[in-house]
N, C-alpha and C. Protein backbone atom coordinates (compact mmCIF):
# COMPACT_ATOMS: atom_id res chain seq x y z
N SER A 1 1.00 -1.20 0.10
CA SER A 1 -0.06 0.11 0.27
C SER A 1 1.14 1.37 -0.26
N MET A 2 1.90 0.91 0.59
CA MET A 2 2.97 2.18 0.62
C MET A 2 3.50 2.84 -1.19
N PHE A 3 3.50 2.16 -1.82
CA PHE A 3 4.23 2.13 -3.28
C PHE A 3 2.82 2.06 -4.18
N GLU A 4 1.26 2.38 -3.78
CA GLU A 4 0.38 2.70 -4.68
C GLU A 4 0.25 3.79 -4.81
N PRO A 5 0.49 5.31 -4.11
CA PRO A 5 0.34 6.17 -4.94
C PRO A 5 1.37 6.27 -6.24
N LEU A 6 2.61 5.79 -6.23
CA LEU A 6 3.42 6.18 -7.20
C LEU A 6 2.70 5.24 -8.24
N LYS A 7 2.02 4.30 -7.96
CA LYS A 7 1.73 3.58 -9.33
C LYS A 7 0.56 4.55 -9.98
N GLU A 8 -0.42 4.77 -8.75
CA GLU A 8 -1.01 5.87 -9.40
C GLU A 8 -0.96 7.01 -9.85
N THR A 9 -0.13 7.16 -9.53
CA THR A 9 0.63 8.52 -10.36
C THR A 9 1.05 8.29 -12.18
N VAL A 10 1.79 7.04 -11.85
CA VAL A 10 2.63 6.50 -13.38
C VAL A 10 1.34 5.99 -13.87
N ALA A 11 0.16 5.71 -13.59
CA ALA A 11 -1.47 5.27 -14.12
C ALA A 11 -1.51 6.76 -14.69
N LEU A 12 -2.03 7.59 -13.71
CA LEU A 12 -1.97 9.24 -14.39
C LEU A 12 -1.54 9.53 -15.63
N LEU A 13 -0.48 9.40 -15.48
CA LEU A 13 0.31 10.29 -16.78
C LEU A 13 0.43 9.82 -17.93
N SER A 14 0.03 8.29 -17.54
CA SER A 14 -0.29 7.65 -18.60
C SER A 14 -1.43 7.63 -19.46
N THR A 15 -2.54 8.10 -18.69
CA THR A 15 -3.93 8.33 -19.43
C THR A 15 -3.91 9.96 -20.23
N TYR A 16 -2.71 10.75 -19.59
CA TYR A 16 -2.13 11.93 -20.39
C TYR A 16 -1.60 11.86 -21.29
N GLY A 17 -1.10 10.55 -21.79
CA GLY A 17 0.10 9.92 -22.81
C GLY A 17 1.41 10.20 -22.41
N GLN A 18 1.55 10.44 -21.43
CA GLN A 18 3.28 10.41 -20.66
C GLN A 18 3.70 9.45 -20.44
N GLU A 19 4.15 7.96 -20.95
CA GLU A 19 4.59 7.04 -21.02
C GLU A 19 5.49 6.75 -20.21
N MET A 20 5.85 6.26 -19.22
CA MET A 20 7.09 6.07 -18.51
C MET A 20 7.75 4.82 -19.46
N PRO A 21 9.41 4.92 -19.41
CA PRO A 21 10.28 3.78 -19.73
C PRO A 21 10.00 2.31 -18.94
N GLU A 22 9.94 1.32 -19.45
CA GLU A 22 9.46 -0.15 -18.69
C GLU A 22 10.11 -0.55 -17.66
N GLU A 23 11.36 0.12 -17.62
CA GLU A 23 12.38 0.39 -16.42
C GLU A 23 11.52 0.38 -15.13
N ILE A 24 10.67 1.81 -14.99
CA ILE A 24 10.03 1.86 -14.35
C ILE A 24 9.42 1.30 -13.72
N HIS A 25 7.92 0.86 -15.05
CA HIS A 25 7.11 -0.35 -14.43
C HIS A 25 7.72 -1.35 -13.79
N LEU A 26 9.22 -1.89 -14.15
CA LEU A 26 9.67 -2.75 -13.17
C LEU A 26 9.97 -2.28 -12.19
N GLN A 27 10.66 -1.45 -11.75
CA GLN A 27 11.09 -1.27 -10.45
C GLN A 27 9.94 -0.91 -9.78
N LEU A 28 8.97 0.12 -10.28
CA LEU A 28 7.63 -0.39 -9.13
C LEU A 28 6.74 -1.57 -8.87
N HIS A 29 7.18 -2.49 -9.85
CA HIS A 29 6.43 -3.92 -9.42
C HIS A 29 7.75 -4.51 -8.43
N GLU A 30 8.75 -4.19 -8.82
CA GLU A 30 9.80 -5.20 -7.78
C GLU A 30 10.09 -4.61 -5.93
N LEU A 31 9.65 -3.24 -6.21
CA LEU A 31 9.54 -2.38 -5.21
C LEU A 31 9.16 -2.76 -3.67
N PRO A 32 8.15 -3.15 -3.71
CA PRO A 32 7.71 -4.00 -2.16
C PRO A 32 8.21 -5.03 -1.87
N GLU A 33 8.67 -6.11 -2.96
CA GLU A 33 9.49 -6.88 -2.24
C GLU A 33 11.13 -6.50 -1.83
N HIS A 34 11.58 -5.43 -2.59
CA HIS A 34 12.86 -5.02 -1.97
C HIS A 34 12.76 -4.19 -0.68
N TRP A 35 11.65 -3.24 -0.69
CA TRP A 35 11.36 -3.23 0.70
C TRP A 35 10.98 -3.74 1.66
N ASP A 36 10.31 -5.32 1.72
CA ASP A 36 10.40 -6.04 2.24
C ASP A 36 11.47 -6.67 2.61
N SER A 37 12.56 -6.95 2.02
CA SER A 37 13.44 -7.58 2.71
C SER A 37 14.77 -6.74 3.05
N THR A 38 14.50 -5.18 2.72
CA THR A 38 15.39 -4.60 3.67
C THR A 38 15.13 -4.28 4.99
N LYS A 39 13.33 -3.93 5.39
CA LYS A 39 13.25 -4.35 6.32
C LYS A 39 13.35 -5.46 7.67
N LYS A 40 13.17 -6.62 6.99
CA LYS A 40 13.98 -8.03 7.53
C LYS A 40 15.46 -8.09 7.62
N LEU A 41 16.46 -7.15 6.91
CA LEU A 41 17.72 -6.90 7.11
C LEU A 41 17.69 -6.18 8.45
N CYS A 42 17.29 -5.12 8.71
CA CYS A 42 17.02 -4.38 9.12
C CYS A 42 16.54 -4.81 11.29
N LEU A 43 15.53 -5.74 11.01
CA LEU A 43 15.34 -6.52 11.99
C LEU A 43 16.71 -7.36 12.44
N ARG A 44 17.03 -8.08 11.67
CA ARG A 44 18.12 -8.95 12.14
C ARG A 44 19.30 -8.20 12.61
N VAL A 45 19.58 -6.90 11.73
CA VAL A 45 20.61 -6.16 12.54
C VAL A 45 20.83 -5.68 14.09
N LYS A 46 19.41 -5.33 13.93
CA LYS A 46 18.74 -4.86 15.44
C LYS A 46 19.10 -5.74 16.26
N GLN A 47 18.74 -7.37 16.15
CA GLN A 47 18.79 -8.04 17.09
C GLN A 47 20.25 -8.55 17.06
N ASN A 48 21.41 -8.16 16.19
CA ASN A 48 22.75 -8.51 16.11
C ASN A 48 23.05 -7.53 17.35
N VAL A 49 23.10 -6.83 17.28
CA VAL A 49 23.13 -5.18 17.58
C VAL A 49 22.53 -4.98 19.06
N ALA A 50 21.47 -5.76 19.57
CA ALA A 50 21.48 -5.37 20.91
C ALA A 50 21.59 -5.48 21.42
N PRO A 51 22.21 -7.13 21.93
CA PRO A 51 23.43 -7.20 22.88
C PRO A 51 24.84 -6.61 22.94
N LEU A 52 24.90 -6.02 22.27
CA LEU A 52 26.34 -5.27 22.37
C LEU A 52 25.90 -4.18 22.58
N GLN A 53 24.80 -3.63 22.42
CA GLN A 53 24.18 -1.86 23.23
C GLN A 53 23.95 -2.36 24.40
N ALA A 54 23.63 -3.86 25.34
CA ALA A 54 23.25 -4.08 26.47
C ALA A 54 24.49 -4.04 27.06
N ASN A 55 25.56 -4.50 26.80
CA ASN A 55 26.91 -4.79 27.49
C ASN A 55 27.51 -3.39 27.24
N GLU A 56 27.12 -2.28 26.29
CA GLU A 56 27.85 -0.89 26.72
C GLU A 56 26.96 -0.31 27.68
N ALA A 57 26.25 -0.28 27.66
CA ALA A 57 25.07 0.36 28.35
C ALA A 57 25.20 -0.21 30.25
N ASN A 58 25.73 -1.41 29.99
CA ASN A 58 26.60 -1.56 31.38
C ASN A 58 27.54 -1.36 31.87
N ALA A 59 28.48 -1.14 30.50
CA ALA A 59 30.01 -0.40 30.89
C ALA A 59 29.73 1.19 31.43
N ILE A 60 28.41 1.30 30.83
CA ILE A 60 28.83 3.14 31.45
C ILE A 60 27.98 3.08 32.45
N ARG A 61 27.05 1.96 33.01
CA ARG A 61 26.59 2.28 34.19
C ARG A 61 27.76 2.00 35.53
N LYS A 62 27.94 1.26 35.24
CA LYS A 62 29.06 0.73 36.34
C LYS A 62 30.45 2.08 35.85
N LYS A 63 31.02 2.45 34.99
CA LYS A 63 31.71 3.36 35.13
C LYS A 63 30.85 4.75 36.00
N CYS A 64 29.78 5.13 35.79
CA CYS A 64 29.27 5.99 36.50
C CYS A 64 29.17 5.87 38.34
N GLN A 65 28.71 4.54 38.21
CA GLN A 65 28.90 4.36 39.95
C GLN A 65 30.19 4.05 40.38
């Protein structure tokens, strides 16, 4: 649903005779899949970094005390 406005804009431009290159149509078709994989990668990185952040927070707490 996030990319629907872009698709609608391209469709609207097409109704007025402004055709987009085929590459644009392919990108709009593949974009949601790429976005999902980016979000999954972000979650994996966040999970991998969480223990390191916790360790650093503990080290800072110890220094403050």
